Amino acid sequence: MITAGQSASTLMVTLGLKVTTDQHKQSPFKHSNLPSPETFWASHGIQLKAKKGWAMAKCTFHDDTHASLGINTESGGFFCHACGAKGGDVLAAHQLITGCDFVTSAKVLGAWEEN
């Protein structure tokens, strides 16, 4: 009989379910290993000249004739006021530019550490 005081793992064993000990493994994604916004955007031909943490540049996501892409120089977040392209960091920018998925982009940018 199962009682209310049993732990989750005891309950799982009682029910014949496998209890794994690696449930709290560290993620192989390391956000701190992403390149800085300055380094990432420079590799795409954009030199960030910040004003209060934000820089404006010609958008790489559409045929832009003037600076409509706002880039946060600290987080790497970006938003284009013309085409609506947006993301929270350089990983999101890489995904949008290349069409790669999260894991592939993280690996390319050096932020995926497999054990």
C-alpha atoms as a PDB file:
ATOM      1  CA  MET A   1       0.000   0.000   0.000  1.00  0.00           C
ATOM      2  CA  ILE A   2       1.237   3.491  -0.878  1.00  0.00           C
ATOM      3  CA  THR A   3       0.984   6.131   1.824  1.00  0.00           C
ATOM      4  CA  ALA A   4       0.974   9.911   1.549  1.00  0.00           C
ATOM      5  CA  GLY A   5       4.313  10.121   3.367  1.00  0.00           C
ATOM      6  CA  GLN A   6       6.323   8.173   0.781  1.00  0.00           C
ATOM      7  CA  SER A   7       8.972   9.984  -1.247  1.00  0.00           C
ATOM      8  CA  ALA A   8       8.621  10.204  -5.005  1.00  0.00           C
ATOM      9  CA  SER A   9      11.458   7.727  -5.587  1.00  0.00           C
ATOM     10  CA  THR A  10       9.976   5.236  -3.095  1.00  0.00           C
ATOM     11  CA  LEU A  11       6.645   5.546  -4.863  1.00  0.00           C
ATOM     12  CA  MET A  12       8.286   4.960  -8.247  1.00  0.00           C
ATOM     13  CA  VAL A  13      10.071   1.826  -6.977  1.00  0.00           C
ATOM     14  CA  THR A  14       6.813   0.568  -5.461  1.00  0.00           C
ATOM     15  CA  LEU A  15       5.115   1.021  -8.834  1.00  0.00           C
ATOM     16  CA  GLY A  16       7.972  -0.785 -10.591  1.00  0.00           C
ATOM     17  CA  LEU A  17       9.220   2.336 -12.382  1.00  0.00           C
ATOM     18  CA  LYS A  18      12.900   3.002 -13.047  1.00  0.00           C
ATOM     19  CA  VAL A  19      14.446   5.662 -10.819  1.00  0.00           C
ATOM     20  CA  THR A  20      17.264   7.575 -12.508  1.00  0.00           C
ATOM     21  CA  THR A  21      19.864   9.566 -10.639  1.00  0.00           C
ATOM     22  CA  ASP A  22      20.868  11.818 -13.533  1.00  0.00           C
ATOM     23  CA  GLN A  23      17.691  13.901 -13.462  1.00  0.00           C
ATOM     24  CA  HIS A  24      19.653  17.004 -12.445  1.00  0.00           C
ATOM     25  CA  LYS A  25      22.382  16.842 -15.077  1.00  0.00           C
ATOM     26  CA  GLN A  26      23.899  20.125 -16.151  1.00  0.00           C
ATOM     27  CA  SER A  27      22.783  21.371 -19.533  1.00  0.00           C
ATOM     28  CA  PRO A  28      25.485  21.214 -22.212  1.00  0.00           C
ATOM     29  CA  PHE A  29      24.437  24.752 -23.252  1.00  0.00           C
ATOM     30  CA  LYS A  30      26.689  27.408 -21.718  1.00  0.00           C
ATOM     31  CA  HIS A  31      25.268  30.894 -22.319  1.00  0.00           C
ATOM     32  CA  SER A  32      28.449  32.452 -20.922  1.00  0.00           C
ATOM     33  CA  ASN A  33      30.448  30.903 -23.808  1.00  0.00           C
ATOM     34  CA  LEU A  34      28.528  32.836 -26.463  1.00  0.00           C
ATOM     35  CA  PRO A  35      30.603  35.486 -28.234  1.00  0.00           C
ATOM     36  CA  SER A  36      30.057  39.066 -27.132  1.00  0.00           C
ATOM     37  CA  PRO A  37      27.552  41.056 -29.168  1.00  0.00           C
ATOM     38  CA  GLU A  38      30.420  43.208 -30.464  1.00  0.00           C
ATOM     39  CA  THR A  39      32.363  40.149 -31.684  1.00  0.00           C
ATOM     40  CA  PHE A  40      29.327  38.395 -33.169  1.00  0.00           C
ATOM     41  CA  TRP A  41      27.963  41.384 -35.064  1.00  0.00           C
ATOM     42  CA  ALA A  42      31.458  42.381 -36.288  1.00  0.00           C
ATOM     43  CA  SER A  43      31.681  38.948 -37.939  1.00  0.00           C
ATOM     44  CA  HIS A  44      28.550  39.974 -39.882  1.00  0.00           C
ATOM     45  CA  GLY A  45      29.959  43.339 -40.927  1.00  0.00           C
ATOM     46  CA  ILE A  46      28.304  45.457 -38.241  1.00  0.00           C
ATOM     47  CA  GLN A  47      30.421  47.620 -35.945  1.00  0.00           C
ATOM     48  CA  LEU A  48      28.477  48.463 -32.799  1.00  0.00           C
ATOM     49  CA  LYS A  49      28.690  52.096 -31.766  1.00  0.00           C
ATOM     50  CA  ALA A  50      26.560  52.166 -28.658  1.00  0.00           C
ATOM     51  CA  LYS A  51      24.332  54.924 -27.391  1.00  0.00           C
ATOM     52  CA  LYS A  52      23.092  54.080 -23.888  1.00  0.00           C
ATOM     53  CA  GLY A  53      23.502  50.335 -24.441  1.00  0.00           C
ATOM     54  CA  TRP A  54      21.838  50.270 -27.848  1.00  0.00           C
ATOM     55  CA  ALA A  55      23.379  50.596 -31.300  1.00  0.00           C
ATOM     56  CA  MET A  56      21.596  51.105 -34.598  1.00  0.00           C
ATOM     57  CA  ALA A  57      22.710  49.405 -37.811  1.00  0.00           C
ATOM     58  CA  LYS A  58      21.445  48.467 -41.248  1.00  0.00           C
ATOM     59  CA  CYS A  59      19.389  45.324 -40.834  1.00  0.00           C
ATOM     60  CA  THR A  60      20.927  42.092 -42.075  1.00  0.00           C
ATOM     61  CA  PHE A  61      17.517  40.427 -42.298  1.00  0.00           C
ATOM     62  CA  HIS A  62      16.143  42.553 -45.155  1.00  0.00           C
ATOM     63  CA  ASP A  63      17.406  44.938 -47.842  1.00  0.00           C
ATOM     64  CA  ASP A  64      17.860  47.945 -45.572  1.00  0.00           C
ATOM     65  CA  THR A  65      18.825  51.416 -46.792  1.00  0.00           C
ATOM     66  CA  HIS A  66      19.131  53.045 -43.382  1.00  0.00           C
ATOM     67  CA  ALA A  67      19.810  51.926 -39.822  1.00  0.00           C
ATOM     68  CA  SER A  68      16.629  50.251 -38.580  1.00  0.00           C
ATOM     69  CA  LEU A  69      18.130  47.367 -36.562  1.00  0.00           C
ATOM     70  CA  GLY A  70      18.540  48.116 -32.859  1.00  0.00           C
ATOM     71  CA  ILE A  71      21.088  45.913 -31.086  1.00  0.00           C
ATOM     72  CA  ASN A  72      21.565  45.811 -27.321  1.00  0.00           C
ATOM     73  CA  THR A  73      25.324  45.953 -26.809  1.00  0.00           C
ATOM     74  CA  GLU A  74      25.146  44.120 -23.476  1.00  0.00           C
ATOM     75  CA  SER A  75      22.670  41.273 -24.042  1.00  0.00           C
ATOM     76  CA  GLY A  76      22.912  40.957 -27.815  1.00  0.00           C
ATOM     77  CA  GLY A  77      19.150  41.308 -28.105  1.00  0.00           C
ATOM     78  CA  PHE A  78      17.969  42.900 -31.344  1.00  0.00           C
ATOM     79  CA  PHE A  79      14.870  44.336 -33.011  1.00  0.00           C
ATOM     80  CA  CYS A  80      14.381  45.678 -36.518  1.00  0.00           C
ATOM     81  CA  HIS A  81      11.920  48.557 -36.618  1.00  0.00           C
ATOM     82  CA  ALA A  82      11.288  47.925 -40.332  1.00  0.00           C
ATOM     83  CA  CYS A  83      10.934  44.155 -40.842  1.00  0.00           C
ATOM     84  CA  GLY A  84      10.229  43.063 -37.254  1.00  0.00           C
ATOM     85  CA  ALA A  85      13.154  40.625 -36.944  1.00  0.00           C
ATOM     86  CA  LYS A  86      13.878  40.150 -33.252  1.00  0.00           C
ATOM     87  CA  GLY A  87      15.659  37.978 -30.726  1.00  0.00           C
ATOM     88  CA  GLY A  88      17.099  38.000 -27.243  1.00  0.00           C
ATOM     89  CA  ASP A  89      20.784  37.299 -27.876  1.00  0.00           C
ATOM     90  CA  VAL A  90      23.445  36.461 -30.457  1.00  0.00           C
ATOM     91  CA  LEU A  91      22.301  32.830 -30.505  1.00  0.00           C
ATOM     92  CA  ALA A  92      18.866  33.914 -31.727  1.00  0.00           C
ATOM     93  CA  ALA A  93      20.524  36.160 -34.319  1.00  0.00           C
ATOM     94  CA  HIS A  94      22.655  33.264 -35.557  1.00  0.00           C
ATOM     95  CA  GLN A  95      19.593  31.034 -35.841  1.00  0.00           C
ATOM     96  CA  LEU A  96      17.729  33.672 -37.840  1.00  0.00           C
ATOM     97  CA  ILE A  97      20.686  34.455 -40.116  1.00  0.00           C
ATOM     98  CA  THR A  98      21.624  30.835 -40.845  1.00  0.00           C
ATOM     99  CA  GLY A  99      18.361  28.943 -40.403  1.00  0.00           C
ATOM    100  CA  CYS A 100      20.121  26.556 -37.994  1.00  0.00           C
ATOM    101  CA  ASP A 101      18.374  25.065 -34.981  1.00  0.00           C
ATOM    102  CA  PHE A 102      19.262  25.934 -31.379  1.00  0.00           C
ATOM    103  CA  VAL A 103      21.783  23.135 -30.781  1.00  0.00           C
ATOM    104  CA  THR A 104      23.572  23.614 -34.108  1.00  0.00           C
ATOM    105  CA  SER A 105      23.835  27.372 -33.550  1.00  0.00           C
ATOM    106  CA  ALA A 106      25.084  26.844 -29.990  1.00  0.00           C
ATOM    107  CA  LYS A 107      27.763  24.451 -31.274  1.00  0.00           C
ATOM    108  CA  VAL A 108      28.862  26.829 -34.051  1.00  0.00           C
ATOM    109  CA  LEU A 109      29.116  29.687 -31.548  1.00  0.00           C
ATOM    110  CA  GLY A 110      31.076  27.578 -29.032  1.00  0.00           C
ATOM    111  CA  ALA A 111      28.361  27.486 -26.395  1.00  0.00           C
ATOM    112  CA  TRP A 112      27.609  23.739 -26.471  1.00  0.00           C
ATOM    113  CA  GLU A 113      29.829  21.508 -24.328  1.00  0.00           C
ATOM    114  CA  GLU A 114      29.120  17.808 -24.645  1.00  0.00           C
ATOM    115  CA  ASN A 115      30.596  15.527 -22.000  1.00  0.00           C
END
